N, C-alpha and C. Protein backbone atom coordinates (compact mmCIF):
# COMPACT_ATOMS: atom_id res chain seq x y z
N MET A 1 -127.61 -85.05 65.17
CA MET A 1 -126.17 -85.00 65.00
C MET A 1 -125.77 -85.54 63.62
N LYS A 2 -126.44 -86.64 63.21
CA LYS A 2 -126.13 -87.21 61.91
C LYS A 2 -126.44 -86.22 60.79
N SER A 3 -127.54 -85.50 60.94
CA SER A 3 -127.91 -84.55 59.88
C SER A 3 -126.91 -83.40 59.81
N LEU A 4 -126.33 -83.00 60.93
CA LEU A 4 -125.34 -81.94 60.94
C LEU A 4 -124.07 -82.40 60.23
N VAL A 5 -123.61 -83.60 60.53
CA VAL A 5 -122.42 -84.14 59.89
C VAL A 5 -122.67 -84.32 58.40
N LEU A 6 -123.84 -84.85 58.04
CA LEU A 6 -124.17 -85.06 56.65
C LEU A 6 -124.21 -83.75 55.88
N SER A 7 -124.81 -82.73 56.48
CA SER A 7 -124.89 -81.43 55.79
C SER A 7 -123.50 -80.80 55.66
N LEU A 8 -122.63 -81.00 56.66
CA LEU A 8 -121.27 -80.46 56.57
C LEU A 8 -120.47 -81.16 55.47
N LEU A 9 -120.78 -82.42 55.20
CA LEU A 9 -120.11 -83.15 54.14
C LEU A 9 -120.67 -82.79 52.76
N LEU A 10 -121.94 -82.48 52.69
CA LEU A 10 -122.59 -82.20 51.41
C LEU A 10 -122.30 -80.79 50.89
N ILE A 11 -122.09 -79.84 51.77
CA ILE A 11 -121.88 -78.46 51.34
C ILE A 11 -120.66 -78.33 50.42
N PRO A 12 -119.50 -78.87 50.78
CA PRO A 12 -118.36 -78.74 49.85
C PRO A 12 -118.60 -79.48 48.53
N ALA A 13 -119.27 -80.63 48.59
CA ALA A 13 -119.54 -81.38 47.37
C ALA A 13 -120.47 -80.60 46.45
N LEU A 14 -121.48 -79.96 46.99
CA LEU A 14 -122.40 -79.17 46.19
C LEU A 14 -121.70 -77.92 45.62
N ALA A 15 -120.82 -77.34 46.40
CA ALA A 15 -120.09 -76.17 45.93
C ALA A 15 -119.18 -76.53 44.76
N MET A 16 -118.52 -77.68 44.82
CA MET A 16 -117.66 -78.11 43.73
C MET A 16 -118.49 -78.41 42.49
N ALA A 17 -119.65 -79.03 42.67
CA ALA A 17 -120.51 -79.34 41.53
C ALA A 17 -121.01 -78.07 40.87
N ALA A 18 -121.34 -77.07 41.65
CA ALA A 18 -121.81 -75.80 41.10
C ALA A 18 -120.69 -75.09 40.35
N ASP A 19 -119.47 -75.17 40.85
CA ASP A 19 -118.34 -74.53 40.21
C ASP A 19 -118.01 -75.19 38.87
N ASN A 20 -118.15 -76.50 38.79
CA ASN A 20 -117.84 -77.22 37.56
C ASN A 20 -118.88 -77.01 36.48
N SER A 21 -120.07 -76.53 36.83
CA SER A 21 -121.12 -76.37 35.85
C SER A 21 -120.99 -75.07 35.06
N LYS A 22 -120.11 -74.16 35.48
CA LYS A 22 -119.93 -72.90 34.78
C LYS A 22 -119.24 -73.16 33.45
N PRO A 23 -119.74 -72.54 32.36
CA PRO A 23 -119.03 -72.70 31.09
C PRO A 23 -117.69 -72.00 31.14
N LYS A 24 -116.68 -72.63 30.57
CA LYS A 24 -115.34 -72.05 30.59
C LYS A 24 -115.02 -71.46 29.24
N LYS A 25 -114.23 -70.41 29.27
CA LYS A 25 -113.84 -69.74 28.04
C LYS A 25 -112.75 -70.55 27.36
N PRO A 26 -112.78 -70.60 26.02
CA PRO A 26 -111.71 -71.30 25.32
C PRO A 26 -110.41 -70.51 25.41
N GLY A 27 -109.29 -71.20 25.18
CA GLY A 27 -107.99 -70.53 25.24
C GLY A 27 -107.36 -70.74 26.58
N LYS A 28 -106.58 -69.78 27.02
CA LYS A 28 -105.86 -69.91 28.29
C LYS A 28 -106.82 -70.05 29.46
N GLY A 29 -106.57 -71.05 30.28
CA GLY A 29 -107.35 -71.24 31.49
C GLY A 29 -108.76 -71.74 31.24
N GLY A 30 -109.09 -72.04 30.02
CA GLY A 30 -110.45 -72.49 29.70
C GLY A 30 -110.50 -73.99 29.54
N THR A 31 -111.11 -74.40 28.46
CA THR A 31 -111.31 -75.83 28.24
C THR A 31 -110.08 -76.51 27.66
N GLY A 32 -109.06 -75.76 27.40
CA GLY A 32 -107.85 -76.33 26.83
C GLY A 32 -107.88 -76.29 25.31
N GLN A 33 -108.97 -75.84 24.72
CA GLN A 33 -109.05 -75.73 23.27
C GLN A 33 -108.38 -74.44 22.84
N LYS A 34 -107.64 -74.53 21.74
CA LYS A 34 -106.98 -73.35 21.22
C LYS A 34 -107.98 -72.59 20.36
N PRO A 35 -107.89 -71.27 20.37
CA PRO A 35 -108.80 -70.50 19.53
C PRO A 35 -108.52 -70.78 18.06
N ASP A 36 -109.53 -70.68 17.22
CA ASP A 36 -109.40 -70.92 15.79
C ASP A 36 -108.64 -69.76 15.15
N THR A 37 -107.41 -70.01 14.74
CA THR A 37 -106.55 -68.98 14.19
C THR A 37 -107.14 -68.36 12.93
N GLU A 38 -107.71 -69.19 12.09
CA GLU A 38 -108.27 -68.69 10.83
C GLU A 38 -109.46 -67.74 11.09
N ALA A 39 -110.30 -68.09 12.07
CA ALA A 39 -111.44 -67.24 12.40
C ALA A 39 -110.97 -65.90 12.97
N ILE A 40 -109.94 -65.92 13.80
CA ILE A 40 -109.39 -64.68 14.36
C ILE A 40 -108.82 -63.83 13.24
N PHE A 41 -108.09 -64.46 12.32
CA PHE A 41 -107.50 -63.75 11.20
C PHE A 41 -108.57 -63.05 10.37
N LYS A 42 -109.64 -63.78 10.05
CA LYS A 42 -110.73 -63.22 9.24
C LYS A 42 -111.42 -62.06 9.97
N LYS A 43 -111.54 -62.18 11.27
CA LYS A 43 -112.17 -61.12 12.05
C LYS A 43 -111.30 -59.85 12.05
N LEU A 44 -109.99 -60.02 12.14
CA LEU A 44 -109.09 -58.87 12.15
C LEU A 44 -108.92 -58.25 10.76
N ASP A 45 -109.09 -59.06 9.72
CA ASP A 45 -108.94 -58.59 8.34
C ASP A 45 -110.21 -57.84 7.93
N THR A 46 -110.33 -56.61 8.39
CA THR A 46 -111.57 -55.84 8.22
C THR A 46 -111.88 -55.50 6.77
N ASN A 47 -110.87 -55.34 5.91
CA ASN A 47 -111.14 -55.03 4.52
C ASN A 47 -111.16 -56.28 3.63
N ALA A 48 -111.03 -57.45 4.24
CA ALA A 48 -111.13 -58.76 3.57
C ALA A 48 -110.22 -58.87 2.34
N ASP A 49 -109.00 -58.35 2.44
CA ASP A 49 -108.07 -58.45 1.33
C ASP A 49 -107.13 -59.66 1.46
N GLY A 50 -107.32 -60.45 2.50
CA GLY A 50 -106.51 -61.65 2.68
C GLY A 50 -105.20 -61.40 3.40
N GLY A 51 -105.00 -60.21 3.91
CA GLY A 51 -103.78 -59.88 4.64
C GLY A 51 -104.08 -58.88 5.74
N LEU A 52 -103.28 -58.94 6.78
CA LEU A 52 -103.46 -57.99 7.89
C LEU A 52 -102.44 -56.87 7.77
N SER A 53 -102.93 -55.66 7.68
CA SER A 53 -102.03 -54.50 7.73
C SER A 53 -101.65 -54.28 9.19
N LEU A 54 -100.67 -53.43 9.40
CA LEU A 54 -100.24 -53.13 10.76
C LEU A 54 -101.39 -52.52 11.55
N GLU A 55 -102.18 -51.66 10.92
CA GLU A 55 -103.32 -51.03 11.58
C GLU A 55 -104.36 -52.06 12.00
N GLU A 56 -104.65 -53.02 11.11
CA GLU A 56 -105.62 -54.07 11.44
C GLU A 56 -105.09 -54.93 12.59
N PHE A 57 -103.80 -55.23 12.54
CA PHE A 57 -103.19 -56.05 13.57
C PHE A 57 -103.24 -55.35 14.93
N LYS A 58 -102.95 -54.04 14.93
CA LYS A 58 -102.93 -53.28 16.18
C LYS A 58 -104.33 -53.02 16.73
N ALA A 59 -105.37 -53.25 15.91
CA ALA A 59 -106.74 -53.05 16.37
C ALA A 59 -107.23 -54.20 17.24
N SER A 60 -106.48 -55.29 17.28
CA SER A 60 -106.90 -56.43 18.10
C SER A 60 -106.78 -56.09 19.58
N PRO A 61 -107.65 -56.66 20.41
CA PRO A 61 -107.59 -56.36 21.85
C PRO A 61 -106.24 -56.69 22.47
N ARG A 62 -105.63 -57.76 22.03
CA ARG A 62 -104.35 -58.17 22.60
C ARG A 62 -103.25 -57.16 22.24
N ALA A 63 -103.27 -56.67 21.00
CA ALA A 63 -102.25 -55.72 20.57
C ALA A 63 -102.43 -54.36 21.23
N GLN A 64 -103.66 -54.02 21.58
CA GLN A 64 -103.91 -52.72 22.19
C GLN A 64 -103.35 -52.64 23.61
N LYS A 65 -103.09 -53.77 24.22
CA LYS A 65 -102.53 -53.76 25.57
C LYS A 65 -101.12 -53.20 25.58
N ASN A 66 -100.34 -53.50 24.50
CA ASN A 66 -98.96 -53.03 24.42
C ASN A 66 -98.63 -52.78 22.95
N ALA A 67 -98.83 -51.55 22.50
CA ALA A 67 -98.67 -51.20 21.09
C ALA A 67 -97.23 -51.40 20.60
N ASP A 68 -96.23 -51.06 21.42
CA ASP A 68 -94.83 -51.22 21.01
C ASP A 68 -94.49 -52.69 20.80
N ARG A 69 -94.96 -53.52 21.70
CA ARG A 69 -94.70 -54.95 21.58
C ARG A 69 -95.43 -55.52 20.36
N ALA A 70 -96.64 -55.04 20.11
CA ALA A 70 -97.41 -55.49 18.95
C ALA A 70 -96.70 -55.12 17.66
N ASP A 71 -96.13 -53.93 17.61
CA ASP A 71 -95.41 -53.47 16.43
C ASP A 71 -94.21 -54.38 16.15
N ALA A 72 -93.44 -54.67 17.18
CA ALA A 72 -92.28 -55.55 17.04
C ALA A 72 -92.71 -56.96 16.63
N HIS A 73 -93.79 -57.44 17.22
CA HIS A 73 -94.29 -58.78 16.90
C HIS A 73 -94.74 -58.84 15.44
N TYR A 74 -95.41 -57.79 14.98
CA TYR A 74 -95.88 -57.74 13.60
C TYR A 74 -94.69 -57.79 12.63
N LYS A 75 -93.68 -56.99 12.90
CA LYS A 75 -92.51 -56.95 12.01
C LYS A 75 -91.78 -58.29 12.01
N LYS A 76 -91.75 -58.94 13.14
CA LYS A 76 -91.09 -60.25 13.23
C LYS A 76 -91.85 -61.29 12.42
N ARG A 77 -93.17 -61.24 12.45
CA ARG A 77 -94.00 -62.20 11.73
C ARG A 77 -94.04 -61.95 10.23
N ASP A 78 -93.89 -60.70 9.79
CA ASP A 78 -93.97 -60.34 8.38
C ASP A 78 -92.67 -60.76 7.69
N LYS A 79 -92.57 -62.03 7.38
CA LYS A 79 -91.32 -62.62 6.87
C LYS A 79 -90.86 -61.99 5.56
N ASP A 80 -91.79 -61.67 4.66
CA ASP A 80 -91.40 -61.11 3.37
C ASP A 80 -91.39 -59.58 3.36
N SER A 81 -91.64 -58.97 4.49
CA SER A 81 -91.61 -57.51 4.68
C SER A 81 -92.44 -56.76 3.64
N ASP A 82 -93.61 -57.31 3.31
CA ASP A 82 -94.47 -56.64 2.33
C ASP A 82 -95.51 -55.75 2.99
N GLY A 83 -95.50 -55.66 4.32
CA GLY A 83 -96.45 -54.80 5.02
C GLY A 83 -97.79 -55.45 5.27
N LYS A 84 -97.90 -56.73 4.99
CA LYS A 84 -99.14 -57.48 5.25
C LYS A 84 -98.78 -58.84 5.82
N LEU A 85 -99.58 -59.28 6.79
CA LEU A 85 -99.42 -60.63 7.32
C LEU A 85 -100.40 -61.54 6.60
N THR A 86 -99.89 -62.60 5.99
CA THR A 86 -100.77 -63.60 5.42
C THR A 86 -101.23 -64.52 6.54
N LEU A 87 -102.18 -65.40 6.24
CA LEU A 87 -102.65 -66.34 7.25
C LEU A 87 -101.50 -67.22 7.72
N GLU A 88 -100.64 -67.64 6.82
CA GLU A 88 -99.50 -68.49 7.21
C GLU A 88 -98.54 -67.75 8.13
N GLU A 89 -98.31 -66.46 7.86
CA GLU A 89 -97.42 -65.67 8.73
C GLU A 89 -98.09 -65.40 10.08
N PHE A 90 -99.41 -65.33 10.08
CA PHE A 90 -100.16 -65.03 11.30
C PHE A 90 -100.27 -66.23 12.23
N LYS A 91 -100.28 -67.44 11.65
CA LYS A 91 -100.45 -68.65 12.46
C LYS A 91 -99.34 -68.76 13.49
N PRO A 92 -99.69 -69.24 14.69
CA PRO A 92 -98.66 -69.41 15.73
C PRO A 92 -97.67 -70.50 15.34
N HIS A 93 -96.46 -70.30 15.70
CA HIS A 93 -95.42 -71.27 15.43
C HIS A 93 -95.38 -72.28 16.57
N PRO A 94 -94.99 -73.53 16.29
CA PRO A 94 -94.92 -74.50 17.38
C PRO A 94 -93.89 -74.06 18.42
N PRO A 95 -94.16 -74.35 19.68
CA PRO A 95 -93.21 -73.94 20.72
C PRO A 95 -91.88 -74.65 20.56
N ARG A 96 -90.84 -73.94 20.90
CA ARG A 96 -89.50 -74.51 20.82
C ARG A 96 -89.27 -75.41 22.02
N LYS A 97 -88.63 -76.52 21.77
CA LYS A 97 -88.35 -77.44 22.87
C LYS A 97 -87.09 -76.99 23.58
N GLY A 98 -87.11 -77.05 24.88
CA GLY A 98 -85.94 -76.73 25.69
C GLY A 98 -85.66 -75.24 25.79
N GLY A 99 -86.54 -74.41 25.29
CA GLY A 99 -86.36 -72.97 25.42
C GLY A 99 -85.25 -72.41 24.55
N LYS A 100 -84.78 -73.18 23.55
CA LYS A 100 -83.70 -72.70 22.70
C LYS A 100 -84.28 -71.86 21.57
N LYS A 101 -83.53 -70.87 21.15
CA LYS A 101 -83.90 -70.06 20.01
C LYS A 101 -83.40 -70.76 18.74
N ALA A 102 -83.97 -70.39 17.62
CA ALA A 102 -83.58 -70.99 16.35
C ALA A 102 -82.08 -70.79 16.12
N GLY A 103 -81.39 -71.84 15.76
CA GLY A 103 -79.97 -71.78 15.48
C GLY A 103 -79.09 -71.80 16.71
N GLU A 104 -79.67 -71.81 17.87
CA GLU A 104 -78.91 -71.78 19.11
C GLU A 104 -78.64 -73.22 19.55
N THR A 105 -77.42 -73.49 19.92
CA THR A 105 -77.10 -74.82 20.41
C THR A 105 -76.83 -74.77 21.90
N LYS A 106 -77.11 -75.86 22.53
CA LYS A 106 -76.89 -75.95 23.97
C LYS A 106 -75.44 -76.34 24.22
N PRO A 107 -74.75 -75.63 25.09
CA PRO A 107 -73.35 -75.99 25.35
C PRO A 107 -73.28 -77.37 26.00
N ASP A 108 -72.21 -78.08 25.65
CA ASP A 108 -72.03 -79.41 26.23
C ASP A 108 -71.79 -79.30 27.73
N ALA A 109 -72.42 -80.18 28.45
CA ALA A 109 -72.24 -80.21 29.90
C ALA A 109 -70.84 -80.75 30.19
N PRO A 110 -70.21 -80.24 31.23
CA PRO A 110 -68.89 -80.76 31.58
C PRO A 110 -68.99 -82.24 31.94
N LYS A 111 -68.06 -82.98 31.44
CA LYS A 111 -68.09 -84.43 31.69
C LYS A 111 -67.30 -84.72 32.95
N THR A 112 -67.97 -85.37 33.86
CA THR A 112 -67.31 -85.75 35.10
C THR A 112 -67.32 -87.27 35.19
N GLU A 113 -66.20 -87.78 35.59
CA GLU A 113 -66.11 -89.23 35.73
C GLU A 113 -66.53 -89.61 37.14
N VAL A 114 -67.40 -90.59 37.19
CA VAL A 114 -67.87 -91.07 38.47
C VAL A 114 -67.15 -92.38 38.75
N PRO A 115 -66.45 -92.45 39.89
CA PRO A 115 -65.73 -93.70 40.17
C PRO A 115 -66.71 -94.84 40.43
N VAL A 116 -66.41 -95.98 39.85
CA VAL A 116 -67.25 -97.16 40.02
C VAL A 116 -66.56 -98.06 41.02
N PRO A 117 -67.22 -98.35 42.12
CA PRO A 117 -66.57 -99.21 43.12
C PRO A 117 -66.41 -100.63 42.58
N GLU A 118 -65.27 -101.20 42.91
CA GLU A 118 -65.02 -102.57 42.47
C GLU A 118 -65.74 -103.54 43.39
N THR A 119 -66.30 -104.51 42.79
CA THR A 119 -66.99 -105.54 43.60
C THR A 119 -66.02 -106.68 43.83
N PRO A 120 -65.98 -107.15 45.06
CA PRO A 120 -65.06 -108.26 45.33
C PRO A 120 -65.51 -109.53 44.61
N LYS A 121 -64.51 -110.21 44.05
CA LYS A 121 -64.81 -111.44 43.31
C LYS A 121 -64.81 -112.61 44.29
N LYS A 122 -65.81 -113.43 44.13
CA LYS A 122 -65.89 -114.63 44.98
C LYS A 122 -65.18 -115.76 44.29
N GLU A 123 -64.43 -116.48 45.09
CA GLU A 123 -63.72 -117.63 44.54
C GLU A 123 -64.66 -118.82 44.52
N VAL A 124 -64.63 -119.50 43.42
CA VAL A 124 -65.52 -120.66 43.28
C VAL A 124 -64.77 -121.93 43.41
């Protein structure tokens, strides 16, 4: 009986240990490490001219999933509209706090007055 209970306790522990031993992919859902932006840029820059053309950008696996979205994203990133993304334009921008867009302000919350109950004063 003891061996049955012991084996029932060990099976889940061994399963968790086996699951944790699998190598995880970097990036989303992986080890939490962000992919190296510069290495990705160099890989996509097939003609090594230091800039990504729209064709090079659209050749990436991520862009091939949705070509229209990739086109819009490319144009948004190409700040100087020269038809090439530099490494600086390609780098991800820090996430915006509070979900606000650039230049957008949050409307002031309506101010409500909360009544404060009076505390009875003790006579000394």
